[in-house]
Amino acid sequence: MKIKHDDLSSGDVIALLEEHLKDMYATSPPESVHALDVNALKSPDITFFSAWQDDVLTGCVAIRKLSSTEAELKSMRTVAAFRNKGVATQLLTFVIEFAIANGYQTLSLETGTQGYFNAARQLYAKNGFEDCEPFGNYQLDPHSHFMTKPLVNIDISPSSPPKCFNTG
């Protein structure tokens, strides 16, 4: 699998993000949906990545700069046909390494509280994310679950910023 910086111009990527938004609105009240559309993901404070197996999209993830030391995980999504095959773990590992290489000390995220989000919360917890209070511009919301991961004292190899990587 290859993970690469993405300019959000691929029809497959756009379709995946539209599916993501549709699912978020189907599972959460509109005022509790914090997923971003394609135009919002093009913001200069966001870096977007897509994952590919040969020429087939397998997933995506984004990271938003909150400050010089804090970032937020956004828009992590796996294509349905590739779920439960390790894509999300590889995307999460990649974005954590990217955050560390770019000097962030904390990576936080917001996800849902509904059962639909159980697998995501378990994945984040398994990878060192812990429950936290709302961060950035978020407010307490019964439909939002906040998590954070300190990135200090974590060694990554190679030490240069990941531009893309291949697995398998």
N, C-alpha and C. Protein backbone atom coordinates (compact mmCIF):
# COMPACT_ATOMS: atom_id res chain seq x y z
N MET A 1 0.84 -1.18 0.00
CA MET A 1 0.00 0.00 0.00
C MET A 1 0.89 1.24 0.00
N LYS A 2 0.51 2.22 -0.78
CA LYS A 2 1.25 3.48 -0.84
C LYS A 2 0.35 4.60 -0.30
N ILE A 3 0.91 5.38 0.61
CA ILE A 3 0.21 6.54 1.16
C ILE A 3 0.91 7.77 0.62
N LYS A 4 0.13 8.70 0.05
CA LYS A 4 0.74 9.87 -0.57
C LYS A 4 -0.07 11.13 -0.27
N HIS A 5 0.64 12.26 -0.36
CA HIS A 5 -0.03 13.55 -0.25
C HIS A 5 -1.00 13.64 -1.41
N ASP A 6 -2.18 14.18 -1.17
CA ASP A 6 -3.24 14.18 -2.18
C ASP A 6 -3.80 15.58 -2.35
N ASP A 7 -4.07 15.97 -3.60
CA ASP A 7 -4.62 17.30 -3.87
C ASP A 7 -6.15 17.32 -3.93
N LEU A 8 -6.78 16.21 -3.61
CA LEU A 8 -8.24 16.11 -3.57
C LEU A 8 -8.89 16.33 -4.93
N SER A 9 -8.23 15.89 -5.99
CA SER A 9 -8.80 16.03 -7.33
C SER A 9 -9.31 14.71 -7.91
N SER A 10 -8.95 13.60 -7.30
CA SER A 10 -9.37 12.28 -7.79
C SER A 10 -10.85 12.05 -7.55
N GLY A 11 -11.54 11.56 -8.56
CA GLY A 11 -12.95 11.23 -8.41
C GLY A 11 -13.18 10.19 -7.33
N ASP A 12 -12.27 9.23 -7.21
CA ASP A 12 -12.41 8.19 -6.18
C ASP A 12 -12.29 8.79 -4.77
N VAL A 13 -11.35 9.70 -4.60
CA VAL A 13 -11.17 10.34 -3.29
C VAL A 13 -12.39 11.19 -2.95
N ILE A 14 -12.86 11.96 -3.92
CA ILE A 14 -14.04 12.81 -3.69
C ILE A 14 -15.25 11.95 -3.32
N ALA A 15 -15.44 10.83 -4.04
CA ALA A 15 -16.57 9.94 -3.74
C ALA A 15 -16.46 9.36 -2.33
N LEU A 16 -15.25 8.99 -1.91
CA LEU A 16 -15.05 8.44 -0.56
C LEU A 16 -15.38 9.49 0.49
N LEU A 17 -14.95 10.72 0.27
CA LEU A 17 -15.24 11.79 1.23
C LEU A 17 -16.73 12.12 1.27
N GLU A 18 -17.40 12.07 0.12
CA GLU A 18 -18.85 12.30 0.09
C GLU A 18 -19.58 11.19 0.85
N GLU A 19 -19.13 9.95 0.67
CA GLU A 19 -19.70 8.82 1.41
C GLU A 19 -19.49 9.02 2.91
N HIS A 20 -18.30 9.48 3.29
CA HIS A 20 -17.98 9.73 4.69
C HIS A 20 -18.95 10.76 5.28
N LEU A 21 -19.13 11.88 4.59
CA LEU A 21 -20.05 12.91 5.08
C LEU A 21 -21.47 12.38 5.19
N LYS A 22 -21.91 11.64 4.19
CA LYS A 22 -23.26 11.07 4.21
C LYS A 22 -23.44 10.18 5.43
N ASP A 23 -22.46 9.33 5.72
CA ASP A 23 -22.53 8.46 6.89
C ASP A 23 -22.53 9.25 8.19
N MET A 24 -21.75 10.32 8.25
CA MET A 24 -21.70 11.13 9.47
C MET A 24 -23.07 11.76 9.74
N TYR A 25 -23.71 12.28 8.70
CA TYR A 25 -25.04 12.88 8.88
C TYR A 25 -26.11 11.84 9.16
N ALA A 26 -25.89 10.60 8.73
CA ALA A 26 -26.85 9.52 8.99
C ALA A 26 -26.73 8.99 10.42
N THR A 27 -25.58 9.20 11.06
CA THR A 27 -25.36 8.61 12.39
C THR A 27 -25.32 9.64 13.52
N SER A 28 -25.23 10.91 13.19
CA SER A 28 -25.12 11.95 14.22
C SER A 28 -26.06 13.10 13.90
N PRO A 29 -26.53 13.82 14.91
CA PRO A 29 -27.33 15.01 14.64
C PRO A 29 -26.49 16.03 13.86
N PRO A 30 -27.10 16.79 12.97
CA PRO A 30 -26.33 17.73 12.13
C PRO A 30 -25.41 18.66 12.91
N GLU A 31 -25.87 19.13 14.07
CA GLU A 31 -25.05 20.06 14.85
C GLU A 31 -23.83 19.38 15.48
N SER A 32 -23.80 18.06 15.44
CA SER A 32 -22.68 17.31 16.02
C SER A 32 -21.76 16.71 14.96
N VAL A 33 -22.01 17.02 13.70
CA VAL A 33 -21.15 16.52 12.62
C VAL A 33 -20.01 17.51 12.40
N HIS A 34 -18.78 17.04 12.59
CA HIS A 34 -17.61 17.89 12.43
C HIS A 34 -16.73 17.44 11.26
N ALA A 35 -17.23 16.50 10.46
CA ALA A 35 -16.50 16.05 9.28
C ALA A 35 -16.45 17.19 8.26
N LEU A 36 -15.38 17.22 7.50
CA LEU A 36 -15.16 18.30 6.54
C LEU A 36 -15.45 17.84 5.12
N ASP A 37 -15.99 18.75 4.30
CA ASP A 37 -16.19 18.43 2.90
C ASP A 37 -14.89 18.68 2.13
N VAL A 38 -14.90 18.37 0.84
CA VAL A 38 -13.68 18.47 0.03
C VAL A 38 -13.11 19.89 0.05
N ASN A 39 -13.96 20.89 -0.10
CA ASN A 39 -13.45 22.27 -0.11
C ASN A 39 -12.81 22.65 1.22
N ALA A 40 -13.41 22.25 2.32
CA ALA A 40 -12.83 22.55 3.64
C ALA A 40 -11.49 21.84 3.83
N LEU A 41 -11.36 20.64 3.26
CA LEU A 41 -10.10 19.89 3.38
C LEU A 41 -8.97 20.51 2.56
N LYS A 42 -9.29 21.45 1.69
CA LYS A 42 -8.27 22.14 0.90
C LYS A 42 -7.68 23.35 1.63
N SER A 43 -8.11 23.57 2.85
CA SER A 43 -7.62 24.68 3.66
C SER A 43 -6.10 24.56 3.84
N PRO A 44 -5.39 25.69 3.87
CA PRO A 44 -3.93 25.63 4.00
C PRO A 44 -3.43 25.04 5.32
N ASP A 45 -4.28 24.96 6.34
CA ASP A 45 -3.85 24.38 7.61
C ASP A 45 -4.09 22.87 7.66
N ILE A 46 -4.52 22.29 6.54
CA ILE A 46 -4.80 20.85 6.47
C ILE A 46 -3.91 20.19 5.43
N THR A 47 -3.35 19.05 5.80
CA THR A 47 -2.59 18.21 4.86
C THR A 47 -3.38 16.92 4.71
N PHE A 48 -3.67 16.56 3.46
CA PHE A 48 -4.53 15.41 3.17
C PHE A 48 -3.72 14.32 2.48
N PHE A 49 -3.96 13.08 2.89
CA PHE A 49 -3.27 11.92 2.31
C PHE A 49 -4.29 10.88 1.85
N SER A 50 -3.93 10.17 0.79
CA SER A 50 -4.74 9.04 0.34
C SER A 50 -3.86 7.80 0.29
N ALA A 51 -4.51 6.64 0.45
CA ALA A 51 -3.81 5.36 0.44
C ALA A 51 -4.28 4.56 -0.77
N TRP A 52 -3.32 3.92 -1.43
CA TRP A 52 -3.61 3.21 -2.67
C TRP A 52 -2.96 1.84 -2.67
N GLN A 53 -3.68 0.86 -3.18
CA GLN A 53 -3.13 -0.47 -3.46
C GLN A 53 -3.13 -0.57 -4.98
N ASP A 54 -1.94 -0.51 -5.56
CA ASP A 54 -1.81 -0.37 -7.01
C ASP A 54 -2.54 0.91 -7.40
N ASP A 55 -3.56 0.84 -8.24
CA ASP A 55 -4.31 2.04 -8.64
C ASP A 55 -5.68 2.12 -7.98
N VAL A 56 -5.86 1.39 -6.89
CA VAL A 56 -7.15 1.33 -6.22
C VAL A 56 -7.07 2.07 -4.88
N LEU A 57 -7.95 3.04 -4.69
CA LEU A 57 -8.02 3.78 -3.44
C LEU A 57 -8.43 2.85 -2.30
N THR A 58 -7.70 2.90 -1.19
CA THR A 58 -8.04 2.08 -0.03
C THR A 58 -8.48 2.92 1.18
N GLY A 59 -8.11 4.20 1.21
CA GLY A 59 -8.50 5.03 2.34
C GLY A 59 -7.90 6.41 2.27
N CYS A 60 -8.19 7.20 3.31
CA CYS A 60 -7.65 8.56 3.38
C CYS A 60 -7.56 9.01 4.83
N VAL A 61 -6.80 10.06 5.03
CA VAL A 61 -6.65 10.67 6.35
C VAL A 61 -6.13 12.10 6.15
N ALA A 62 -6.45 12.97 7.09
CA ALA A 62 -5.94 14.34 7.04
C ALA A 62 -5.46 14.75 8.43
N ILE A 63 -4.61 15.76 8.43
CA ILE A 63 -4.12 16.32 9.68
C ILE A 63 -4.26 17.84 9.59
N ARG A 64 -4.83 18.44 10.63
CA ARG A 64 -5.03 19.89 10.68
C ARG A 64 -4.10 20.48 11.73
N LYS A 65 -3.39 21.50 11.33
CA LYS A 65 -2.52 22.22 12.26
C LYS A 65 -3.39 23.11 13.15
N LEU A 66 -3.30 22.89 14.46
CA LEU A 66 -4.00 23.74 15.41
C LEU A 66 -3.08 24.82 15.97
N SER A 67 -1.82 24.47 16.15
CA SER A 67 -0.79 25.40 16.62
C SER A 67 0.55 24.81 16.20
N SER A 68 1.63 25.45 16.60
CA SER A 68 2.95 24.91 16.22
C SER A 68 3.24 23.57 16.89
N THR A 69 2.50 23.25 17.95
CA THR A 69 2.75 22.00 18.68
C THR A 69 1.56 21.05 18.72
N GLU A 70 0.41 21.49 18.21
CA GLU A 70 -0.80 20.68 18.29
C GLU A 70 -1.41 20.48 16.91
N ALA A 71 -1.89 19.25 16.67
CA ALA A 71 -2.56 18.94 15.41
C ALA A 71 -3.79 18.09 15.70
N GLU A 72 -4.68 18.06 14.72
CA GLU A 72 -5.91 17.28 14.83
C GLU A 72 -6.00 16.28 13.69
N LEU A 73 -6.36 15.07 14.01
CA LEU A 73 -6.63 14.03 13.02
C LEU A 73 -8.02 14.29 12.45
N LYS A 74 -8.14 14.28 11.12
CA LYS A 74 -9.42 14.52 10.45
C LYS A 74 -9.63 13.50 9.34
N SER A 75 -10.88 13.25 9.02
CA SER A 75 -11.29 12.54 7.80
C SER A 75 -10.61 11.21 7.57
N MET A 76 -10.41 10.42 8.62
CA MET A 76 -9.85 9.09 8.41
C MET A 76 -10.97 8.17 7.98
N ARG A 77 -10.78 7.55 6.83
CA ARG A 77 -11.83 6.70 6.25
C ARG A 77 -11.18 5.59 5.44
N THR A 78 -11.72 4.39 5.57
CA THR A 78 -11.27 3.25 4.78
C THR A 78 -12.37 2.88 3.79
N VAL A 79 -11.99 2.59 2.56
CA VAL A 79 -12.93 2.12 1.56
C VAL A 79 -13.54 0.81 2.07
N ALA A 80 -14.85 0.64 1.92
CA ALA A 80 -15.57 -0.51 2.48
C ALA A 80 -14.92 -1.84 2.13
N ALA A 81 -14.50 -2.02 0.90
CA ALA A 81 -13.91 -3.30 0.46
C ALA A 81 -12.58 -3.60 1.15
N PHE A 82 -11.97 -2.60 1.79
CA PHE A 82 -10.66 -2.78 2.42
C PHE A 82 -10.73 -2.71 3.95
N ARG A 83 -11.93 -2.67 4.51
CA ARG A 83 -12.05 -2.62 5.97
C ARG A 83 -11.61 -3.94 6.58
N ASN A 84 -11.09 -3.85 7.79
CA ASN A 84 -10.59 -5.02 8.54
C ASN A 84 -9.40 -5.69 7.86
N LYS A 85 -8.64 -4.89 7.10
CA LYS A 85 -7.44 -5.41 6.43
C LYS A 85 -6.20 -4.61 6.82
N GLY A 86 -6.30 -3.80 7.86
CA GLY A 86 -5.14 -3.06 8.36
C GLY A 86 -4.92 -1.69 7.75
N VAL A 87 -5.80 -1.27 6.85
CA VAL A 87 -5.62 0.03 6.20
C VAL A 87 -5.68 1.16 7.23
N ALA A 88 -6.68 1.14 8.10
CA ALA A 88 -6.82 2.22 9.09
C ALA A 88 -5.61 2.28 10.01
N THR A 89 -5.09 1.14 10.41
CA THR A 89 -3.90 1.12 11.27
C THR A 89 -2.71 1.73 10.54
N GLN A 90 -2.55 1.40 9.27
CA GLN A 90 -1.43 1.96 8.50
C GLN A 90 -1.60 3.47 8.30
N LEU A 91 -2.82 3.92 8.03
CA LEU A 91 -3.07 5.35 7.89
C LEU A 91 -2.78 6.08 9.20
N LEU A 92 -3.23 5.51 10.31
CA LEU A 92 -3.02 6.13 11.61
C LEU A 92 -1.54 6.19 11.95
N THR A 93 -0.83 5.11 11.72
CA THR A 93 0.62 5.08 11.96
C THR A 93 1.32 6.14 11.12
N PHE A 94 0.93 6.23 9.86
CA PHE A 94 1.53 7.21 8.96
C PHE A 94 1.31 8.64 9.47
N VAL A 95 0.07 8.97 9.83
CA VAL A 95 -0.22 10.34 10.23
C VAL A 95 0.43 10.67 11.58
N ILE A 96 0.57 9.70 12.47
CA ILE A 96 1.30 9.92 13.72
C ILE A 96 2.76 10.23 13.42
N GLU A 97 3.38 9.44 12.54
CA GLU A 97 4.78 9.68 12.17
C GLU A 97 4.94 11.03 11.47
N PHE A 98 3.98 11.40 10.63
CA PHE A 98 4.01 12.70 9.96
C PHE A 98 3.94 13.82 11.00
N ALA A 99 3.06 13.67 11.98
CA ALA A 99 2.91 14.69 13.02
C ALA A 99 4.20 14.85 13.82
N ILE A 100 4.80 13.74 14.21
CA ILE A 100 6.05 13.79 14.96
C ILE A 100 7.15 14.46 14.13
N ALA A 101 7.27 14.04 12.89
CA ALA A 101 8.31 14.58 12.01
C ALA A 101 8.14 16.07 11.76
N ASN A 102 6.90 16.57 11.91
CA ASN A 102 6.63 17.99 11.70
C ASN A 102 6.57 18.78 13.00
N GLY A 103 7.05 18.18 14.09
CA GLY A 103 7.22 18.91 15.33
C GLY A 103 6.01 19.02 16.23
N TYR A 104 4.94 18.34 15.89
CA TYR A 104 3.77 18.39 16.77
C TYR A 104 4.04 17.56 18.03
N GLN A 105 3.56 18.05 19.15
CA GLN A 105 3.73 17.35 20.42
C GLN A 105 2.46 16.64 20.87
N THR A 106 1.34 17.02 20.26
CA THR A 106 0.05 16.43 20.60
C THR A 106 -0.78 16.24 19.34
N LEU A 107 -1.42 15.08 19.23
CA LEU A 107 -2.35 14.80 18.14
C LEU A 107 -3.68 14.45 18.78
N SER A 108 -4.72 15.21 18.45
CA SER A 108 -6.03 15.00 19.06
C SER A 108 -7.06 14.71 17.98
N LEU A 109 -8.22 14.23 18.41
CA LEU A 109 -9.28 13.92 17.45
C LEU A 109 -10.63 14.00 18.12
N GLU A 110 -11.65 14.15 17.28
CA GLU A 110 -13.05 14.09 17.71
C GLU A 110 -13.70 13.00 16.89
N THR A 111 -14.44 12.13 17.55
CA THR A 111 -15.21 11.09 16.88
C THR A 111 -16.56 11.00 17.57
N GLY A 112 -17.42 10.15 17.08
CA GLY A 112 -18.76 10.04 17.64
C GLY A 112 -18.84 9.14 18.86
N THR A 113 -19.93 9.28 19.59
CA THR A 113 -20.18 8.45 20.76
C THR A 113 -21.07 7.25 20.44
N GLN A 114 -21.73 7.28 19.29
CA GLN A 114 -22.65 6.22 18.92
C GLN A 114 -21.91 4.91 18.64
N GLY A 115 -22.64 3.81 18.68
CA GLY A 115 -22.08 2.49 18.42
C GLY A 115 -21.37 2.39 17.09
N TYR A 116 -21.83 3.15 16.10
CA TYR A 116 -21.20 3.16 14.77
C TYR A 116 -19.70 3.46 14.87
N PHE A 117 -19.30 4.21 15.87
CA PHE A 117 -17.91 4.65 16.02
C PHE A 117 -17.09 3.77 16.96
N ASN A 118 -17.64 2.67 17.45
CA ASN A 118 -16.92 1.81 18.39
C ASN A 118 -15.58 1.34 17.84
N ALA A 119 -15.56 0.85 16.61
CA ALA A 119 -14.31 0.34 16.03
C ALA A 119 -13.26 1.44 15.95
N ALA A 120 -13.68 2.64 15.59
CA ALA A 120 -12.73 3.76 15.50
C ALA A 120 -12.15 4.08 16.88
N ARG A 121 -13.01 4.17 17.88
CA ARG A 121 -12.52 4.48 19.23
C ARG A 121 -11.57 3.40 19.73
N GLN A 122 -11.88 2.14 19.43
CA GLN A 122 -11.00 1.04 19.84
C GLN A 122 -9.65 1.13 19.13
N LEU A 123 -9.66 1.46 17.85
CA LEU A 123 -8.41 1.61 17.10
C LEU A 123 -7.56 2.73 17.70
N TYR A 124 -8.18 3.86 17.99
CA TYR A 124 -7.43 4.98 18.56
C TYR A 124 -6.85 4.61 19.93
N ALA A 125 -7.66 3.99 20.77
CA ALA A 125 -7.18 3.59 22.10
C ALA A 125 -6.03 2.59 21.99
N LYS A 126 -6.15 1.65 21.08
CA LYS A 126 -5.09 0.65 20.88
C LYS A 126 -3.78 1.30 20.46
N ASN A 127 -3.88 2.47 19.82
CA ASN A 127 -2.70 3.18 19.34
C ASN A 127 -2.30 4.34 20.23
N GLY A 128 -2.71 4.29 21.50
CA GLY A 128 -2.20 5.24 22.48
C GLY A 128 -3.00 6.51 22.69
N PHE A 129 -4.15 6.64 22.06
CA PHE A 129 -4.99 7.81 22.28
C PHE A 129 -5.78 7.60 23.56
N GLU A 130 -5.93 8.68 24.32
CA GLU A 130 -6.67 8.64 25.58
C GLU A 130 -7.79 9.66 25.53
N ASP A 131 -8.85 9.40 26.29
CA ASP A 131 -9.96 10.33 26.37
C ASP A 131 -9.47 11.68 26.89
N CYS A 132 -10.08 12.74 26.40
CA CYS A 132 -9.70 14.09 26.84
C CYS A 132 -10.91 15.01 26.77
N GLU A 133 -10.72 16.21 27.25
CA GLU A 133 -11.74 17.25 27.17
C GLU A 133 -11.76 17.81 25.74
N PRO A 134 -12.80 18.55 25.38
CA PRO A 134 -12.81 19.20 24.07
C PRO A 134 -11.57 20.08 23.89
N PHE A 135 -11.07 20.13 22.69
CA PHE A 135 -9.87 20.90 22.37
C PHE A 135 -10.20 21.85 21.22
N GLY A 136 -9.27 22.75 20.93
CA GLY A 136 -9.48 23.69 19.82
C GLY A 136 -10.78 24.46 20.01
N ASN A 137 -11.61 24.49 18.97
CA ASN A 137 -12.88 25.21 19.02
C ASN A 137 -14.06 24.32 19.40
N TYR A 138 -13.80 23.08 19.75
CA TYR A 138 -14.89 22.17 20.12
C TYR A 138 -15.49 22.54 21.47
N GLN A 139 -16.76 22.19 21.62
CA GLN A 139 -17.48 22.36 22.88
C GLN A 139 -17.96 20.99 23.35
N LEU A 140 -18.27 20.86 24.62
CA LEU A 140 -18.87 19.62 25.11
C LEU A 140 -20.10 19.30 24.29
N ASP A 141 -20.24 18.05 23.90
CA ASP A 141 -21.34 17.61 23.06
C ASP A 141 -21.59 16.14 23.39
N PRO A 142 -22.81 15.76 23.72
CA PRO A 142 -23.07 14.36 24.08
C PRO A 142 -22.82 13.38 22.93
N HIS A 143 -22.69 13.90 21.72
CA HIS A 143 -22.47 13.04 20.55
C HIS A 143 -21.01 13.05 20.10
N SER A 144 -20.15 13.75 20.83
CA SER A 144 -18.73 13.83 20.48
C SER A 144 -17.87 13.18 21.55
N HIS A 145 -16.89 12.44 21.09
CA HIS A 145 -15.91 11.78 21.97
C HIS A 145 -14.54 12.33 21.58
N PHE A 146 -13.82 12.88 22.53
CA PHE A 146 -12.53 13.51 22.27
C PHE A 146 -11.40 12.64 22.79
N MET A 147 -10.34 12.55 22.00
CA MET A 147 -9.17 11.74 22.38
C MET A 147 -7.91 12.49 21.99
N THR A 148 -6.81 12.19 22.69
CA THR A 148 -5.54 12.84 22.39
C THR A 148 -4.40 11.87 22.62
N LYS A 149 -3.29 12.16 21.95
CA LYS A 149 -2.09 11.33 22.10
C LYS A 149 -0.88 12.26 22.19
N PRO A 150 -0.13 12.19 23.29
CA PRO A 150 1.11 12.96 23.36
C PRO A 150 2.14 12.33 22.43
N LEU A 151 2.88 13.17 21.73
CA LEU A 151 3.85 12.68 20.74
C LEU A 151 5.29 12.91 21.17
N VAL A 152 5.50 13.42 22.36
CA VAL A 152 6.86 13.64 22.84
C VAL A 152 7.46 12.32 23.30
N ASN A 153 8.76 12.21 23.17
CA ASN A 153 9.50 11.01 23.55
C ASN A 153 9.11 9.77 22.76
N ILE A 154 8.64 9.99 21.54
CA ILE A 154 8.34 8.87 20.64
C ILE A 154 9.38 8.90 19.54
N ASP A 155 10.07 7.81 19.35
CA ASP A 155 11.11 7.71 18.33
C ASP A 155 10.51 7.10 17.08
N ILE A 156 10.72 7.75 15.94
CA ILE A 156 10.28 7.17 14.68
C ILE A 156 11.49 6.92 13.80
N SER A 157 11.39 5.93 12.96
CA SER A 157 12.45 5.63 12.00
C SER A 157 11.82 5.42 10.65
N PRO A 158 12.31 5.99 9.60
CA PRO A 158 13.44 6.89 9.59
C PRO A 158 13.09 8.23 10.21
N SER A 159 14.11 9.02 10.54
CA SER A 159 13.86 10.27 11.25
C SER A 159 13.42 11.40 10.33
N SER A 160 13.48 11.21 9.03
CA SER A 160 13.03 12.26 8.12
C SER A 160 11.51 12.20 7.98
N PRO A 161 10.89 13.34 7.64
CA PRO A 161 9.43 13.36 7.52
C PRO A 161 8.96 12.37 6.46
N PRO A 162 7.92 11.60 6.77
CA PRO A 162 7.41 10.67 5.76
C PRO A 162 6.73 11.43 4.63
N LYS A 163 7.13 11.17 3.42
CA LYS A 163 6.48 11.79 2.27
C LYS A 163 5.47 10.82 1.70
N CYS A 164 5.80 9.57 1.70
CA CYS A 164 4.90 8.49 1.36
C CYS A 164 5.61 7.21 1.74
N PHE A 165 4.90 6.16 1.87
CA PHE A 165 5.58 4.90 2.13
C PHE A 165 4.82 3.77 1.48
N ASN A 166 5.52 2.70 1.26
CA ASN A 166 4.92 1.50 0.70
C ASN A 166 4.95 0.43 1.76
N THR A 167 3.87 -0.30 1.86
CA THR A 167 3.83 -1.44 2.76
C THR A 167 3.39 -2.65 1.96
N GLY A 168 4.18 -3.65 2.01
CA GLY A 168 3.83 -4.90 1.36
C GLY A 168 3.82 -4.87 -0.09
